[in-house]
Amino acid sequence: LHFTSKKLEQVHTENKRLKNDNEDLQHEFERDRQGYLNTIRTQEKQLLLFRVILEKMSSTMQR
């Protein structure tokens, strides 16, 4: 009975640790995801700016 109780306590502790690890990984994933989305938004804005500049330069050079 003592062995079973000790084993159950170990399993419970391991389960708690794994849940905490999973939660940490989920938070890290969400931070990375937000960072990637911010990078994409920034790059989309830069791409739009470059396209507008290119269009203006092209129309100016054709004249």
Protein backbone atom coordinates (compact mmCIF):
# COMPACT_ATOMS: atom_id res chain seq x y z
CA LEU A 1 0.00 0.00 0.00
CA HIS A 2 2.84 2.38 0.83
CA PHE A 3 4.50 1.64 -2.53
CA THR A 4 1.25 2.30 -4.40
CA SER A 5 0.71 5.56 -2.54
CA LYS A 6 4.29 6.67 -3.25
CA LYS A 7 3.96 5.71 -6.92
CA LEU A 8 0.66 7.61 -7.18
CA GLU A 9 2.31 10.68 -5.68
CA GLN A 10 5.16 10.44 -8.21
CA VAL A 11 2.73 10.11 -11.10
CA HIS A 12 0.73 13.08 -9.81
CA THR A 13 3.90 15.19 -9.51
CA GLU A 14 5.01 14.19 -13.01
CA ASN A 15 1.56 14.98 -14.39
CA LYS A 16 1.65 18.42 -12.77
CA ARG A 17 5.12 19.09 -14.19
CA LEU A 18 4.03 18.05 -17.68
CA LYS A 19 0.96 20.28 -17.50
CA ASN A 20 3.17 23.22 -16.52
CA ASP A 21 5.59 22.43 -19.35
CA ASN A 22 2.70 22.26 -21.81
CA GLU A 23 1.36 25.60 -20.59
CA ASP A 24 4.80 27.18 -20.94
CA LEU A 25 5.13 25.84 -24.48
CA GLN A 26 1.70 27.16 -25.41
CA HIS A 27 2.61 30.63 -24.12
CA GLU A 28 5.92 30.53 -25.98
CA PHE A 29 4.15 29.41 -29.16
CA GLU A 30 1.64 32.26 -28.84
CA ARG A 31 4.44 34.82 -28.35
CA ASP A 32 6.24 33.47 -31.42
CA ARG A 33 3.01 33.47 -33.40
CA GLN A 34 2.30 37.10 -32.52
CA GLY A 35 5.85 38.01 -33.47
CA TYR A 36 5.50 36.31 -36.84
CA LEU A 37 2.19 38.04 -37.50
CA ASN A 38 3.71 41.42 -36.63
CA THR A 39 6.61 40.73 -38.99
CA ILE A 40 4.19 39.80 -41.77
CA ARG A 41 2.17 42.99 -41.24
CA THR A 42 5.31 45.12 -41.31
CA GLN A 43 6.56 43.43 -44.47
CA GLU A 44 3.18 43.85 -46.16
CA LYS A 45 3.28 47.59 -45.41
CA GLN A 46 6.83 47.86 -46.75
CA LEU A 47 5.89 45.93 -49.88
CA LEU A 48 2.95 48.25 -50.50
CA LEU A 49 5.21 51.28 -50.05
CA PHE A 50 7.80 49.88 -52.47
CA ARG A 51 5.08 49.14 -55.04
CA VAL A 52 3.74 52.69 -54.81
CA ILE A 53 7.26 54.13 -55.12
CA LEU A 54 7.96 51.89 -58.12
CA GLU A 55 4.70 52.92 -59.81
CA LYS A 56 5.48 56.62 -59.26
CA MET A 57 9.00 56.21 -60.60
CA SER A 58 7.78 54.23 -63.61
CA SER A 59 5.17 56.82 -64.51
CA THR A 60 7.71 59.65 -64.06
CA MET A 61 10.33 57.93 -66.22
CA GLN A 62 7.86 57.27 -69.05
CA ARG A 63 7.18 60.99 -69.50
